[in-house]
Amino acid sequence: MRVLRVIPHLGLGGVQRQMLLAFRGLRELGFECEVFCIDYEGEYAKQFQAEGFPVHLKKFQSRMDPLGLAKLWNTGRRFDIVHGHMYAANLAVLTAFRKGRRPSTVAGYHNQTLVSSERQTERLRKSLHRPTAYVAVGEAVRDSLIRLGAPPERIAVIRNGVVGPAEVAPLPSRAVGEPLRLVWMGRFAKQKRVPFLIDVAAECKRRRIPVQMTLFGTGEFHEKAMARLEDEHLQDVVLLPGISRSIFDELARAHLFLSASYREGFPNALLEALAAGRPAIVNTIDPNREVLGDSGAGLMIDTDVHRWADAIGRLVENGTELQRMAAEAESLGRKFSMKRAVDETAGLYRKITL
């Protein structure tokens, strides 16, 4: 079975990482997978190609670019499945293939907020009957699709998976007075609330709670974050090393993962932290609740600086509690295997091509 995934780009990101992991698993099950980018190729493109997954590029000049749609149609008709990711790519897939019975089409959504404008909402609603199936990465995403009018019977919830480290490292030892090492990984985008995390670090410093916070990643707010650290003399508390290519090495050096995002789909960074046996403090949004449940692997706290600093201070003082949470995290992380996600994806593909 041949599968074409359509995506805006293969830049560094959680969706792109999930796609590469899925391709590896699907190939073992006999699927042939390729990628079609409608914006630009991005940093991950070379890795896809090096691993034998061809990457096609046709930069769309507009959402309904006729030349782009023609290239997508000519490429996609050789496949059994054309699977889009995110709003723009989904719109391209459903426009290019709305009149054909083959290939089967899948619209994939990765965030609980599906659209960002009334115009996007109108376009999405007009296309809701077109895909053969939808993939939602979590229940919150599924609920958003249903509220917009997507047929519930066509929606498959396939939660993201993670390939964890070969061996989970124990929490680093910490002498009295040594900082608790806090870590965050992601894009410096508005929805991630990086300024809030810096506020938490500043409050910990004000209270003399020993912490060191490392924020890995890059993005539109990275330079502003660097300037703020200089202005407020927080360079000794918050580090901004940029992108890390060794996620689990960085997590092995940390004690606690943080995420203050106000919207997610099924948060990859949190899954990676759990797979590494690292407990978390996260914002109280439905996708985080879906991951953590009542496991005890993390704390869900509304984005209140003082409450977050209180919680971090308690864990600084109570190493036993931190160790208990770490054990819960390691146990929970095993639930979200990439094999499970690949098997569910393969099952959906087979079902819709019968």
Protein backbone atom coordinates (compact mmCIF):
# COMPACT_ATOMS: atom_id res chain seq x y z
CA MET A 1 0.00 0.00 0.00
CA ARG A 2 1.37 3.42 -0.98
CA VAL A 3 0.83 6.45 1.25
CA LEU A 4 1.46 10.13 0.50
CA ARG A 5 1.54 12.47 3.49
CA VAL A 6 0.90 16.14 2.68
CA ILE A 7 2.22 18.79 5.06
CA PRO A 8 3.17 22.48 4.90
CA HIS A 9 6.85 21.74 5.61
CA LEU A 10 9.31 19.37 7.26
CA GLY A 11 10.82 21.89 9.64
CA LEU A 12 11.73 20.81 13.16
CA GLY A 13 8.51 20.14 15.04
CA GLY A 14 6.45 17.55 16.85
CA VAL A 15 4.20 16.72 13.89
CA GLN A 16 7.19 16.18 11.62
CA ARG A 17 8.95 14.02 14.21
CA GLN A 18 5.82 11.90 14.64
CA MET A 19 5.61 11.45 10.88
CA LEU A 20 9.18 10.18 10.61
CA LEU A 21 8.66 7.70 13.46
CA ALA A 22 5.39 6.53 11.88
CA PHE A 23 7.04 6.06 8.46
CA ARG A 24 9.68 3.79 10.01
CA GLY A 25 7.02 1.63 11.62
CA LEU A 26 4.74 1.58 8.58
CA ARG A 27 7.59 0.48 6.34
CA GLU A 28 8.11 -2.56 8.57
CA LEU A 29 4.44 -3.41 7.93
CA GLY A 30 4.87 -3.21 4.16
CA PHE A 31 3.72 0.37 3.46
CA GLU A 32 5.56 2.68 1.06
CA CYS A 33 5.52 6.27 2.33
CA GLU A 34 6.39 9.61 0.72
CA VAL A 35 5.90 13.29 1.62
CA PHE A 36 4.54 16.27 -0.33
CA CYS A 37 5.38 19.74 1.06
CA ILE A 38 3.28 22.75 0.02
CA ASP A 39 5.37 25.50 1.61
CA TYR A 40 9.05 24.53 1.93
CA GLU A 41 11.06 21.40 2.66
CA GLY A 42 12.65 22.26 6.02
CA GLU A 43 15.41 20.77 8.16
CA TYR A 44 13.89 17.29 8.41
CA ALA A 45 13.66 16.76 4.64
CA LYS A 46 17.22 15.46 4.27
CA GLN A 47 16.65 12.92 7.03
CA PHE A 48 13.45 11.66 5.40
CA GLN A 49 15.24 11.28 2.08
CA ALA A 50 18.31 9.67 3.66
CA GLU A 51 16.05 7.03 5.19
CA GLY A 52 14.44 6.27 1.84
CA PHE A 53 11.27 8.36 2.12
CA PRO A 54 11.03 10.61 -0.98
CA VAL A 55 10.05 14.25 -0.47
CA HIS A 56 8.18 16.24 -3.14
CA LEU A 57 7.90 20.04 -3.05
CA LYS A 58 5.51 22.40 -4.83
CA LYS A 59 5.27 25.73 -3.07
CA PHE A 60 1.64 26.90 -3.19
CA GLN A 61 1.34 30.59 -4.03
CA SER A 62 -2.11 30.69 -2.42
CA ARG A 63 -4.48 28.33 -0.61
CA MET A 64 -6.12 27.43 -3.94
CA ASP A 65 -3.04 27.65 -6.19
CA PRO A 66 -4.11 25.83 -9.42
CA LEU A 67 -0.57 24.79 -10.36
CA GLY A 68 0.05 23.47 -6.87
CA LEU A 69 -3.21 21.56 -6.84
CA ALA A 70 -2.42 20.08 -10.27
CA LYS A 71 1.03 18.92 -9.07
CA LEU A 72 -0.54 17.43 -5.94
CA TRP A 73 -3.17 15.61 -8.01
CA ASN A 74 -0.61 14.23 -10.47
CA THR A 75 1.60 13.06 -7.63
CA GLY A 76 -1.16 11.75 -5.37
CA ARG A 77 -3.11 9.68 -7.87
CA ARG A 78 -0.31 7.08 -7.80
CA PHE A 79 -1.07 6.41 -4.13
CA ASP A 80 -3.71 4.44 -2.26
CA ILE A 81 -3.89 6.98 0.60
CA VAL A 82 -3.31 10.73 0.63
CA HIS A 83 -3.11 11.92 4.23
CA GLY A 84 -3.01 15.63 5.03
CA HIS A 85 -1.69 17.33 8.15
CA MET A 86 -2.96 20.65 9.55
CA TYR A 87 -5.32 23.16 8.02
CA ALA A 88 -3.55 24.30 4.83
CA ALA A 89 -2.41 20.84 3.73
CA ASN A 90 -5.79 19.31 4.52
CA LEU A 91 -7.51 21.98 2.43
CA ALA A 92 -5.16 21.24 -0.48
CA VAL A 93 -5.79 17.48 -0.24
CA LEU A 94 -9.56 17.81 -0.02
CA THR A 95 -9.66 20.32 -2.89
CA ALA A 96 -7.39 18.32 -5.21
CA PHE A 97 -9.13 14.98 -4.68
CA ARG A 98 -12.77 15.85 -4.04
CA LYS A 99 -13.94 14.49 -7.39
CA GLY A 100 -11.98 11.25 -7.45
CA ARG A 101 -12.79 7.96 -5.74
CA ARG A 102 -9.10 7.11 -5.46
CA PRO A 103 -7.00 7.67 -3.56
CA SER A 104 -8.71 7.53 -0.19
CA THR A 105 -8.17 10.79 1.69
CA VAL A 106 -7.38 11.38 5.36
CA ALA A 107 -7.49 14.75 7.12
CA GLY A 108 -5.18 14.86 10.13
CA TYR A 109 -5.53 17.37 12.97
CA HIS A 110 -2.97 17.91 15.71
CA ASN A 111 -4.31 20.75 17.84
CA GLN A 112 -7.44 21.35 19.87
CA THR A 113 -7.77 24.71 18.05
CA LEU A 114 -8.43 23.72 14.44
CA VAL A 115 -8.78 27.12 12.80
CA SER A 116 -7.67 30.67 13.52
CA SER A 117 -10.21 32.82 11.64
CA GLU A 118 -13.83 32.92 10.51
CA ARG A 119 -12.70 32.40 6.92
CA GLN A 120 -10.84 29.22 7.86
CA THR A 121 -13.87 28.04 9.81
CA GLU A 122 -16.12 28.55 6.78
CA ARG A 123 -13.72 26.71 4.46
CA LEU A 124 -13.33 23.83 6.88
CA ARG A 125 -17.08 23.42 7.32
CA LYS A 126 -17.56 23.31 3.55
CA SER A 127 -15.06 20.46 3.25
CA LEU A 128 -16.20 18.35 6.22
CA HIS A 129 -17.98 15.77 4.02
CA ARG A 130 -14.99 15.19 1.72
CA PRO A 131 -12.36 13.09 3.54
CA THR A 132 -12.69 9.34 3.71
CA ALA A 133 -11.53 9.59 7.32
CA TYR A 134 -10.22 11.99 9.92
CA VAL A 135 -7.36 11.40 12.34
CA ALA A 136 -7.47 13.30 15.62
CA VAL A 137 -4.47 12.95 17.93
CA GLY A 138 -6.61 13.17 21.07
CA GLU A 139 -10.12 13.45 22.46
CA ALA A 140 -9.95 17.25 22.68
CA VAL A 141 -9.14 17.40 18.95
CA ARG A 142 -11.95 14.95 18.18
CA ASP A 143 -14.41 17.07 20.16
CA SER A 144 -13.35 20.19 18.23
CA LEU A 145 -13.98 18.42 14.91
CA ILE A 146 -17.42 17.27 16.02
CA ARG A 147 -18.36 20.77 17.18
CA LEU A 148 -17.57 22.06 13.69
CA GLY A 149 -19.76 19.36 12.13
CA ALA A 150 -17.41 16.52 11.14
CA PRO A 151 -19.15 13.11 11.01
CA PRO A 152 -18.18 11.33 14.26
CA GLU A 153 -18.16 7.93 12.57
CA ARG A 154 -15.32 9.03 10.28
CA ILE A 155 -13.03 10.24 13.09
CA ALA A 156 -10.30 7.93 14.38
CA VAL A 157 -8.48 9.00 17.55
CA ILE A 158 -4.86 7.91 17.15
CA ARG A 159 -2.81 9.33 19.97
CA ASN A 160 0.81 10.27 19.38
CA GLY A 161 3.45 7.74 20.30
CA VAL A 162 7.00 8.01 21.54
CA VAL A 163 10.17 5.98 21.18
CA GLY A 164 11.79 6.36 24.56
CA PRO A 165 15.40 5.85 25.63
CA ALA A 166 16.81 2.34 25.71
CA GLU A 167 17.26 2.73 29.45
CA VAL A 168 15.62 5.30 31.73
CA ALA A 169 18.19 7.28 33.70
CA PRO A 170 17.51 7.77 37.41
CA LEU A 171 16.85 11.28 38.66
CA PRO A 172 20.16 13.10 39.12
CA SER A 173 21.34 13.30 42.71
CA ARG A 174 21.10 16.76 44.26
CA ALA A 175 22.84 17.97 47.40
CA VAL A 176 21.16 20.44 49.77
CA GLY A 177 21.20 23.88 48.18
CA GLU A 178 21.89 22.64 44.66
CA PRO A 179 19.35 23.74 42.05
CA LEU A 180 16.44 21.63 40.89
CA ARG A 181 16.94 21.37 37.14
CA LEU A 182 13.79 22.29 35.22
CA VAL A 183 13.45 21.72 31.48
CA TRP A 184 11.10 22.74 28.67
CA MET A 185 11.35 21.90 24.95
CA GLY A 186 9.40 23.32 22.05
CA ARG A 187 8.81 26.25 19.75
CA PHE A 188 9.04 29.77 21.11
CA ALA A 189 5.50 30.44 19.93
CA LYS A 190 2.68 32.35 21.61
CA GLN A 191 0.68 29.26 22.54
CA LYS A 192 3.65 27.80 24.48
CA ARG A 193 3.68 30.67 27.04
CA VAL A 194 7.46 30.83 27.38
CA PRO A 195 7.25 34.27 29.08
CA PHE A 196 5.19 32.65 31.85
CA LEU A 197 7.92 30.07 32.45
CA ILE A 198 10.45 32.89 32.76
CA ASP A 199 8.09 34.58 35.23
CA VAL A 200 8.13 31.38 37.29
CA ALA A 201 11.94 31.31 37.25
CA ALA A 202 12.05 34.94 38.33
CA GLU A 203 9.65 34.23 41.20
CA CYS A 204 11.75 31.26 42.32
CA LYS A 205 14.83 33.48 42.31
CA ARG A 206 13.00 36.14 44.33
CA ARG A 207 12.03 33.50 46.91
CA ARG A 208 15.55 31.97 46.88
CA ILE A 209 14.21 28.63 45.65
CA PRO A 210 17.27 27.00 44.02
CA VAL A 211 16.39 26.18 40.42
CA GLN A 212 17.98 26.23 37.01
CA MET A 213 15.56 26.35 34.09
CA THR A 214 16.65 25.34 30.58
CA LEU A 215 14.40 26.25 27.66
CA PHE A 216 15.33 24.31 24.51
CA GLY A 217 14.13 25.42 21.11
CA THR A 218 13.82 28.39 18.85
CA GLY A 219 11.09 30.47 17.23
CA GLU A 220 9.59 33.90 16.90
CA PHE A 221 9.91 34.84 20.59
CA HIS A 222 13.43 33.49 21.17
CA GLU A 223 15.24 36.82 20.77
CA LYS A 224 12.72 38.58 23.01
CA ALA A 225 13.28 35.93 25.66
CA MET A 226 17.06 36.44 25.48
CA ALA A 227 16.66 40.20 25.80
CA ARG A 228 14.42 39.80 28.82
CA LEU A 229 16.92 37.57 30.61
CA GLU A 230 19.55 40.25 30.15
CA ASP A 231 17.26 43.09 31.24
CA GLU A 232 16.17 41.27 34.40
CA HIS A 233 19.54 39.63 35.17
CA LEU A 234 18.13 36.09 34.97
CA GLN A 235 20.95 34.50 32.96
CA ASP A 236 22.10 32.60 36.06
CA VAL A 237 18.64 31.02 36.44
CA VAL A 238 17.36 30.54 32.86
CA LEU A 239 19.40 29.08 29.99
CA LEU A 240 18.45 29.32 26.29
CA PRO A 241 20.81 26.93 24.48
CA GLY A 242 18.74 26.66 21.29
CA ILE A 243 17.75 23.38 19.64
CA SER A 244 18.94 20.08 21.09
CA ARG A 245 19.45 17.03 18.89
CA SER A 246 19.64 14.76 21.95
CA ILE A 247 16.27 15.10 23.67
CA PHE A 248 16.67 12.19 26.04
CA ASP A 249 20.22 13.17 27.01
CA GLU A 250 18.88 16.55 28.09
CA LEU A 251 15.97 15.01 29.97
CA ALA A 252 18.36 12.64 31.75
CA ARG A 253 20.09 15.69 33.26
CA ALA A 254 16.80 17.23 34.43
CA HIS A 255 14.61 16.67 37.47
CA LEU A 256 11.30 18.13 36.28
CA PHE A 257 9.58 18.96 32.96
CA LEU A 258 7.42 22.07 32.57
CA SER A 259 4.75 23.08 30.06
CA ALA A 260 2.50 26.15 30.29
CA SER A 261 0.91 25.83 26.81
CA TYR A 262 -2.68 27.04 26.56
CA ARG A 263 -3.47 24.71 23.66
CA GLU A 264 -2.09 21.40 22.41
CA GLY A 265 -3.23 18.31 20.54
CA PHE A 266 -1.60 15.41 22.31
CA PRO A 267 1.62 16.92 23.65
CA ASN A 268 4.74 15.22 22.28
CA ALA A 269 7.18 16.95 24.66
CA LEU A 270 5.21 15.72 27.66
CA LEU A 271 5.19 12.16 26.25
CA GLU A 272 8.97 12.32 25.80
CA ALA A 273 9.43 13.55 29.37
CA LEU A 274 7.32 10.67 30.72
CA ALA A 275 9.19 8.13 28.57
CA ALA A 276 12.40 9.47 30.15
CA GLY A 277 10.93 9.02 33.64
CA ARG A 278 10.64 12.73 34.33
CA PRO A 279 7.62 14.10 36.22
CA ALA A 280 5.95 17.29 35.07
CA ILE A 281 4.18 20.45 36.05
CA VAL A 282 1.77 21.45 33.27
CA ASN A 283 -1.12 23.79 32.60
CA THR A 284 -4.65 22.49 33.21
CA ILE A 285 -5.77 21.93 29.62
CA ASP A 286 -7.68 18.90 28.36
CA PRO A 287 -4.83 17.34 26.31
CA ASN A 288 -2.54 17.35 29.37
CA ARG A 289 -5.35 15.87 31.45
CA GLU A 290 -5.84 13.16 28.80
CA VAL A 291 -2.16 12.21 29.06
CA LEU A 292 -1.69 12.37 32.82
CA GLY A 293 -5.13 11.31 34.06
CA ASP A 294 -4.91 10.47 37.76
CA SER A 295 -1.49 8.83 37.44
CA GLY A 296 0.41 11.00 39.89
CA ALA A 297 3.17 11.50 37.30
CA GLY A 298 2.67 15.23 37.24
CA LEU A 299 0.90 18.25 38.65
CA MET A 300 -1.70 20.18 36.66
CA ILE A 301 -1.84 23.79 37.83
CA ASP A 302 -3.50 26.82 36.24
CA THR A 303 -0.99 29.36 34.97
CA ASP A 304 -0.53 31.23 38.24
CA VAL A 305 3.10 32.15 38.88
CA HIS A 306 2.81 31.92 42.66
CA ARG A 307 1.15 28.48 42.63
CA TRP A 308 3.82 27.13 40.26
CA ALA A 309 6.59 28.52 42.45
CA ASP A 310 4.87 27.00 45.51
CA ALA A 311 4.80 23.57 43.83
CA ILE A 312 8.43 23.77 42.70
CA GLY A 313 9.47 24.86 46.19
CA ARG A 314 7.72 21.86 47.74
CA LEU A 315 9.49 19.47 45.37
CA VAL A 316 12.84 21.11 46.14
CA GLU A 317 12.24 20.32 49.81
CA ASN A 318 10.67 16.88 49.28
CA GLY A 319 12.97 14.64 47.26
CA THR A 320 10.94 11.57 48.21
CA GLU A 321 7.84 12.99 46.52
CA LEU A 322 9.85 13.83 43.41
CA GLN A 323 11.18 10.27 43.26
CA ARG A 324 7.66 8.87 43.61
CA MET A 325 6.43 11.08 40.76
CA ALA A 326 9.37 10.00 38.59
CA ALA A 327 8.47 6.32 39.07
CA GLU A 328 4.87 7.09 38.09
CA ALA A 329 6.11 8.98 35.02
CA GLU A 330 8.23 6.07 33.82
CA SER A 331 5.30 3.68 34.22
CA LEU A 332 2.89 5.98 32.39
CA GLY A 333 5.35 6.67 29.58
CA ARG A 334 5.28 3.00 28.56
CA LYS A 335 1.59 3.31 27.60
CA PHE A 336 2.28 5.66 24.70
CA SER A 337 4.40 3.45 22.46
CA MET A 338 5.02 4.31 18.85
CA LYS A 339 4.20 0.71 17.91
CA ARG A 340 0.65 1.21 19.17
CA ALA A 341 0.27 4.42 17.12
CA VAL A 342 1.65 2.74 13.98
CA ASP A 343 -0.58 -0.32 14.34
CA GLU A 344 -3.66 1.88 14.73
CA THR A 345 -2.68 3.96 11.68
CA ALA A 346 -2.10 0.85 9.58
CA GLY A 347 -5.46 -0.52 10.70
CA LEU A 348 -7.22 2.66 9.63
CA TYR A 349 -5.50 2.67 6.21
CA ARG A 350 -6.49 -0.92 5.55
CA LYS A 351 -10.05 -0.28 6.63
CA ILE A 352 -10.65 2.71 4.35
CA THR A 353 -9.11 1.08 1.28
CA LEU A 354 -11.18 -2.13 1.41
